[in-house]
PDB file of N, CA and C in Angstrom:
ATOM      1  N   MET A   1     -23.283  13.845 -61.282  1.00  0.00           N
ATOM      2  CA  MET A   1     -23.935  13.143 -60.128  1.00  0.00           C
ATOM      3  C   MET A   1     -22.985  11.828 -59.980  1.00  0.00           C
ATOM      4  N   ASN A   2     -22.579  11.659 -58.442  1.00  0.00           N
ATOM      5  CA  ASN A   2     -21.434  10.373 -58.430  1.00  0.00           C
ATOM      6  C   ASN A   2     -22.752   9.284 -58.506  1.00  0.00           C
ATOM      7  N   LYS A   3     -21.973   8.281 -58.703  1.00  0.00           N
ATOM      8  CA  LYS A   3     -23.018   6.394 -58.911  1.00  0.00           C
ATOM      9  C   LYS A   3     -23.308   6.072 -57.541  1.00  0.00           C
ATOM     10  N   ALA A   4     -23.249   6.561 -56.891  1.00  0.00           N
ATOM     11  CA  ALA A   4     -24.336   6.171 -55.272  1.00  0.00           C
ATOM     12  C   ALA A   4     -25.140   7.094 -55.538  1.00  0.00           C
ATOM     13  N   ARG A   5     -25.111   8.504 -55.879  1.00  0.00           N
ATOM     14  CA  ARG A   5     -26.158   9.453 -55.726  1.00  0.00           C
ATOM     15  C   ARG A   5     -27.834   8.948 -56.728  1.00  0.00           C
ATOM     16  N   GLU A   6     -26.974   8.727 -57.682  1.00  0.00           N
ATOM     17  CA  GLU A   6     -27.329   7.873 -59.346  1.00  0.00           C
ATOM     18  C   GLU A   6     -28.218   6.464 -58.679  1.00  0.00           C
ATOM     19  N   THR A   7     -27.707   5.734 -57.727  1.00  0.00           N
ATOM     20  CA  THR A   7     -28.043   4.557 -57.463  1.00  0.00           C
ATOM     21  C   THR A   7     -29.670   4.594 -56.494  1.00  0.00           C
ATOM     22  N   GLU A   8     -28.965   5.769 -55.403  1.00  0.00           N
ATOM     23  CA  GLU A   8     -30.088   6.273 -54.763  1.00  0.00           C
ATOM     24  C   GLU A   8     -31.189   6.426 -55.230  1.00  0.00           C
ATOM     25  N   ARG A   9     -31.231   7.562 -56.434  1.00  0.00           N
ATOM     26  CA  ARG A   9     -32.145   8.013 -56.878  1.00  0.00           C
ATOM     27  C   ARG A   9     -33.208   7.157 -57.907  1.00  0.00           C
ATOM     28  N   ASN A  10     -32.213   6.173 -58.128  1.00  0.00           N
ATOM     29  CA  ASN A  10     -32.967   5.057 -58.864  1.00  0.00           C
ATOM     30  C   ASN A  10     -33.890   4.173 -57.800  1.00  0.00           C
ATOM     31  N   ARG A  11     -33.239   4.052 -56.598  1.00  0.00           N
ATOM     32  CA  ARG A  11     -34.258   3.453 -55.670  1.00  0.00           C
ATOM     33  C   ARG A  11     -35.243   3.936 -55.494  1.00  0.00           C
ATOM     34  N   ALA A  12     -35.208   5.305 -55.043  1.00  0.00           N
ATOM     35  CA  ALA A  12     -36.512   6.133 -54.862  1.00  0.00           C
ATOM     36  C   ALA A  12     -37.181   6.171 -55.958  1.00  0.00           C
ATOM     37  N   ARG A  13     -37.007   6.243 -57.244  1.00  0.00           N
ATOM     38  CA  ARG A  13     -37.803   6.174 -58.352  1.00  0.00           C
ATOM     39  C   ARG A  13     -38.682   4.970 -58.243  1.00  0.00           C
ATOM     40  N   ARG A  14     -37.927   3.543 -58.094  1.00  0.00           N
ATOM     41  CA  ARG A  14     -38.557   2.549 -58.111  1.00  0.00           C
ATOM     42  C   ARG A  14     -39.728   2.216 -57.018  1.00  0.00           C
ATOM     43  N   TYR A  15     -39.477   3.171 -55.850  1.00  0.00           N
ATOM     44  CA  TYR A  15     -40.599   2.959 -54.591  1.00  0.00           C
ATOM     45  C   TYR A  15     -41.581   3.902 -55.198  1.00  0.00           C
ATOM     46  N   ARG A  16     -41.699   4.909 -56.140  1.00  0.00           N
ATOM     47  CA  ARG A  16     -42.815   5.334 -56.720  1.00  0.00           C
ATOM     48  C   ARG A  16     -43.305   4.910 -57.416  1.00  0.00           C
ATOM     49  N   ASP A  17     -42.472   4.413 -58.098  1.00  0.00           N
ATOM     50  CA  ASP A  17     -43.251   2.990 -59.138  1.00  0.00           C
ATOM     51  C   ASP A  17     -44.422   2.060 -58.512  1.00  0.00           C
ATOM     52  N   ARG A  18     -43.373   1.468 -57.258  1.00  0.00           N
ATOM     53  CA  ARG A  18     -44.266   0.587 -56.961  1.00  0.00           C
ATOM     54  C   ARG A  18     -45.163   1.574 -55.908  1.00  0.00           C
ATOM     55  N   ALA A  19     -45.569   2.280 -55.765  1.00  0.00           N
ATOM     56  CA  ALA A  19     -46.687   3.047 -54.748  1.00  0.00           C
ATOM     57  C   ALA A  19     -47.371   3.093 -55.932  1.00  0.00           C
ATOM     58  N   ASP A  20     -47.342   3.977 -57.282  1.00  0.00           N
ATOM     59  CA  ASP A  20     -48.006   3.696 -58.183  1.00  0.00           C
ATOM     60  C   ASP A  20     -48.900   2.587 -58.613  1.00  0.00           C
ATOM     61  N   GLU A  21     -47.838   1.451 -58.922  1.00  0.00           N
ATOM     62  CA  GLU A  21     -48.722  -0.034 -58.872  1.00  0.00           C
ATOM     63  C   GLU A  21     -50.051  -0.391 -57.825  1.00  0.00           C
ATOM     64  N   CYS A  22     -49.139  -0.116 -56.563  1.00  0.00           N
ATOM     65  CA  CYS A  22     -50.315  -0.346 -55.672  1.00  0.00           C
ATOM     66  C   CYS A  22     -51.354   0.460 -55.742  1.00  0.00           C
ATOM     67  N   ARG A  23     -51.545   2.083 -55.685  1.00  0.00           N
ATOM     68  CA  ARG A  23     -53.093   2.510 -56.101  1.00  0.00           C
ATOM     69  C   ARG A  23     -53.546   1.714 -56.902  1.00  0.00           C
ATOM     70  N   ARG A  24     -52.663   1.765 -58.492  1.00  0.00           N
ATOM     71  CA  ARG A  24     -53.518   1.171 -59.295  1.00  0.00           C
ATOM     72  C   ARG A  24     -54.603  -0.246 -58.762  1.00  0.00           C
ATOM     73  N   ASN A  25     -53.650  -1.065 -58.225  1.00  0.00           N
ATOM     74  CA  ASN A  25     -54.356  -2.390 -57.901  1.00  0.00           C
ATOM     75  C   ASN A  25     -55.722  -1.916 -56.936  1.00  0.00           C
ATOM     76  N   ALA A  26     -55.069  -1.352 -56.117  1.00  0.00           N
ATOM     77  CA  ALA A  26     -56.304  -1.274 -54.999  1.00  0.00           C
ATOM     78  C   ALA A  26     -57.576   0.259 -55.604  1.00  0.00           C
ATOM     79  N   ALA A  27     -57.307   0.798 -56.802  1.00  0.00           N
ATOM     80  CA  ALA A  27     -58.369   0.992 -57.371  1.00  0.00           C
ATOM     81  C   ALA A  27     -59.069  -0.191 -58.105  1.00  0.00           C
ATOM     82  N   GLU A  28     -58.603  -1.194 -58.432  1.00  0.00           N
ATOM     83  CA  GLU A  28     -59.392  -2.513 -59.183  1.00  0.00           C
ATOM     84  C   GLU A  28     -59.707  -3.244 -58.327  1.00  0.00           C
ATOM     85  N   THR A  29     -59.425  -3.707 -56.984  1.00  0.00           N
ATOM     86  CA  THR A  29     -59.865  -4.568 -55.928  1.00  0.00           C
ATOM     87  C   THR A  29     -61.331  -4.289 -55.576  1.00  0.00           C
ATOM     88  N   LYS A  30     -62.446  -5.042 -55.331  1.00  0.00           N
ATOM     89  CA  LYS A  30     -63.415  -4.654 -54.846  1.00  0.00           C
ATOM     90  C   LYS A  30     -63.393  -5.008 -53.112  1.00  0.00           C
ATOM     91  N   ASP A  31     -62.838  -5.549 -52.569  1.00  0.00           N
ATOM     92  CA  ASP A  31     -62.533  -6.222 -51.130  1.00  0.00           C
ATOM     93  C   ASP A  31     -61.987  -4.924 -50.451  1.00  0.00           C
ATOM     94  N   PRO A  32     -62.639  -3.942 -49.603  1.00  0.00           N
ATOM     95  CA  PRO A  32     -62.375  -3.096 -48.721  1.00  0.00           C
ATOM     96  C   PRO A  32     -61.271  -3.018 -48.036  1.00  0.00           C
ATOM     97  N   GLN A  33     -60.784  -4.281 -47.534  1.00  0.00           N
ATOM     98  CA  GLN A  33     -59.775  -4.927 -46.824  1.00  0.00           C
ATOM     99  C   GLN A  33     -58.476  -4.558 -47.463  1.00  0.00           C
ATOM    100  N   ALA A  34     -58.568  -5.473 -48.727  1.00  0.00           N
ATOM    101  CA  ALA A  34     -57.264  -5.620 -49.522  1.00  0.00           C
ATOM    102  C   ALA A  34     -57.040  -4.091 -49.768  1.00  0.00           C
ATOM    103  N   ARG A  35     -58.288  -3.272 -50.422  1.00  0.00           N
ATOM    104  CA  ARG A  35     -58.034  -1.852 -50.536  1.00  0.00           C
ATOM    105  C   ARG A  35     -57.139  -0.989 -49.844  1.00  0.00           C
ATOM    106  N   ALA A  36     -57.342  -0.839 -48.533  1.00  0.00           N
ATOM    107  CA  ALA A  36     -56.953   0.030 -47.736  1.00  0.00           C
ATOM    108  C   ALA A  36     -55.511  -0.782 -47.408  1.00  0.00           C
ATOM    109  N   GLY A  37     -54.853  -2.127 -47.286  1.00  0.00           N
ATOM    110  CA  GLY A  37     -53.762  -2.482 -47.355  1.00  0.00           C
ATOM    111  C   GLY A  37     -52.866  -2.243 -48.498  1.00  0.00           C
ATOM    112  N   LEU A  38     -53.238  -2.166 -49.736  1.00  0.00           N
ATOM    113  CA  LEU A  38     -52.789  -1.991 -50.874  1.00  0.00           C
ATOM    114  C   LEU A  38     -51.973  -0.321 -50.486  1.00  0.00           C
ATOM    115  N   ILE A  39     -53.235   0.490 -50.300  1.00  0.00           N
ATOM    116  CA  ILE A  39     -52.952   2.138 -50.051  1.00  0.00           C
ATOM    117  C   ILE A  39     -52.039   2.219 -49.101  1.00  0.00           C
ATOM    118  N   GLN A  40     -52.092   1.459 -47.929  1.00  0.00           N
ATOM    119  CA  GLN A  40     -50.524   1.608 -46.644  1.00  0.00           C
ATOM    120  C   GLN A  40     -49.668   1.268 -47.441  1.00  0.00           C
ATOM    121  N   VAL A  41     -49.555  -0.036 -47.985  1.00  0.00           N
ATOM    122  CA  VAL A  41     -48.134   0.055 -48.594  1.00  0.00           C
ATOM    123  C   VAL A  41     -47.799   0.968 -49.617  1.00  0.00           C
ATOM    124  N   ALA A  42     -48.800   1.360 -50.546  1.00  0.00           N
ATOM    125  CA  ALA A  42     -48.220   2.708 -51.285  1.00  0.00           C
ATOM    126  C   ALA A  42     -47.740   3.522 -50.562  1.00  0.00           C
ATOM    127  N   GLN A  43     -48.313   4.035 -49.558  1.00  0.00           N
ATOM    128  CA  GLN A  43     -47.901   4.863 -48.319  1.00  0.00           C
ATOM    129  C   GLN A  43     -46.337   4.779 -47.983  1.00  0.00           C
ATOM    130  N   ALA A  44     -46.240   3.493 -47.395  1.00  0.00           N
ATOM    131  CA  ALA A  44     -45.214   3.054 -47.261  1.00  0.00           C
ATOM    132  C   ALA A  44     -43.952   3.629 -48.033  1.00  0.00           C
ATOM    133  N   TYR A  45     -44.481   2.907 -49.370  1.00  0.00           N
ATOM    134  CA  TYR A  45     -43.332   2.993 -50.233  1.00  0.00           C
ATOM    135  C   TYR A  45     -43.061   4.633 -50.723  1.00  0.00           C
ATOM    136  N   ASP A  46     -44.136   5.377 -50.653  1.00  0.00           N
ATOM    137  CA  ASP A  46     -43.831   6.866 -50.814  1.00  0.00           C
ATOM    138  C   ASP A  46     -43.005   7.576 -49.791  1.00  0.00           C
ATOM    139  N   GLN A  47     -43.380   7.231 -48.688  1.00  0.00           N
ATOM    140  CA  GLN A  47     -42.409   7.340 -47.367  1.00  0.00           C
ATOM    141  C   GLN A  47     -40.619   6.882 -47.547  1.00  0.00           C
ATOM    142  N   MET A  48     -40.698   5.743 -48.143  1.00  0.00           N
ATOM    143  CA  MET A  48     -39.311   5.632 -48.292  1.00  0.00           C
ATOM    144  C   MET A  48     -38.532   6.297 -49.162  1.00  0.00           C
ATOM    145  N   ALA A  49     -39.447   6.511 -50.290  1.00  0.00           N
ATOM    146  CA  ALA A  49     -38.821   7.065 -51.507  1.00  0.00           C
ATOM    147  C   ALA A  49     -38.357   8.875 -50.764  1.00  0.00           C
ATOM    148  N   GLU A  50     -39.880   9.340 -50.152  1.00  0.00           N
ATOM    149  CA  GLU A  50     -39.113  10.948 -49.609  1.00  0.00           C
ATOM    150  C   GLU A  50     -38.344  10.663 -48.730  1.00  0.00           C
ATOM    151  N   ALA A  51     -37.969  10.006 -47.995  1.00  0.00           N
ATOM    152  CA  ALA A  51     -36.835   9.544 -46.917  1.00  0.00           C
ATOM    153  C   ALA A  51     -35.395   9.756 -47.915  1.00  0.00           C
ATOM    154  N   ILE A  52     -35.395   8.942 -48.891  1.00  0.00           N
ATOM    155  CA  ILE A  52     -34.033   8.749 -49.630  1.00  0.00           C
ATOM    156  C   ILE A  52     -34.052  10.209 -50.261  1.00  0.00           C
ATOM    157  N   GLU A  53     -35.059  10.627 -51.119  1.00  0.00           N
ATOM    158  CA  GLU A  53     -35.132  11.946 -51.877  1.00  0.00           C
ATOM    159  C   GLU A  53     -34.628  13.348 -50.490  1.00  0.00           C
ATOM    160  N   ASP A  54     -35.062  13.192 -49.235  1.00  0.00           N
ATOM    161  CA  ASP A  54     -35.021  14.087 -48.713  1.00  0.00           C
ATOM    162  C   ASP A  54     -33.136  14.249 -48.119  1.00  0.00           C
ATOM    163  N   LYS A  55     -32.642  12.873 -48.247  1.00  0.00           N
ATOM    164  CA  LYS A  55     -31.442  12.656 -47.689  1.00  0.00           C
ATOM    165  C   LYS A  55     -30.361  12.626 -48.966  1.00  0.00           C
ATOM    166  N   LEU A  56     -30.708  12.745 -50.273  1.00  0.00           N
ATOM    167  CA  LEU A  56     -30.256  13.138 -51.212  1.00  0.00           C
ATOM    168  C   LEU A  56     -30.198  15.062 -51.257  1.00  0.00           C
ATOM    169  N   ASP A  57     -31.601  15.380 -51.205  1.00  0.00           N
ATOM    170  CA  ASP A  57     -31.272  16.877 -50.950  1.00  0.00           C
ATOM    171  C   ASP A  57     -30.733  17.300 -50.043  1.00  0.00           C
ATOM    172  N   ASP A  58     -30.325  16.672 -48.791  1.00  0.00           N
ATOM    173  CA  ASP A  58     -29.901  17.245 -47.698  1.00  0.00           C
ATOM    174  C   ASP A  58     -28.107  17.428 -48.327  1.00  0.00           C
ATOM    175  N   ASP A  59     -27.763  16.433 -49.130  1.00  0.00           N
ATOM    176  CA  ASP A  59     -26.294  16.295 -49.449  1.00  0.00           C
ATOM    177  C   ASP A  59     -26.067  16.911 -50.549  1.00  0.00           C
ATOM    178  N   THR A  60     -27.062  17.776 -50.777  1.00  0.00           N
ATOM    179  CA  THR A  60     -26.722  18.608 -52.209  1.00  0.00           C
ATOM    180  C   THR A  60     -25.486  19.818 -51.330  1.00  0.00           C
ATOM    181  N   PRO A  61     -24.464  19.710 -52.341  1.00  0.00           N
ATOM    182  CA  PRO A  61     -23.697  20.963 -51.664  1.00  0.00           C
ATOM    183  C   PRO A  61     -24.127  22.066 -52.146  1.00  0.00           C
ATOM    184  N   PRO A  62     -24.216  23.646 -51.625  1.00  0.00           N
ATOM    185  CA  PRO A  62     -24.336  24.833 -51.898  1.00  0.00           C
ATOM    186  C   PRO A  62     -23.938  25.152 -53.379  1.00  0.00           C
ATOM    187  N   ASN A  63     -24.644  26.355 -54.449  1.00  0.00           N
ATOM    188  CA  ASN A  63     -24.273  26.894 -55.094  1.00  0.00           C
ATOM    189  C   ASN A  63     -22.821  27.575 -54.896  1.00  0.00           C
ATOM    190  N   SER A  64     -21.811  27.530 -55.887  1.00  0.00           N
ATOM    191  CA  SER A  64     -20.654  28.164 -55.294  1.00  0.00           C
ATOM    192  C   SER A  64     -20.298  29.305 -56.116  1.00  0.00           C
ATOM    193  N   ASN A  65     -21.368  30.207 -56.271  1.00  0.00           N
ATOM    194  CA  ASN A  65     -21.320  31.618 -57.332  1.00  0.00           C
ATOM    195  C   ASN A  65     -20.666  32.590 -56.725  1.00  0.00           C
TER     196      ASN A  65
END
């Protein structure tokens, strides 16, 4: 894996980690508006991670068997 792809994979992983953190915080908060906001932020992080992962998957060369 080249350095740029590795960097992008790490970025996607960080976005997934941040999404998880937002969901944990949402589960702990009693304020319904804050909870909803945190869940929206988590979804946005997941979407960003998915976009990166999809792009990386699209760039994967086919197997040359």
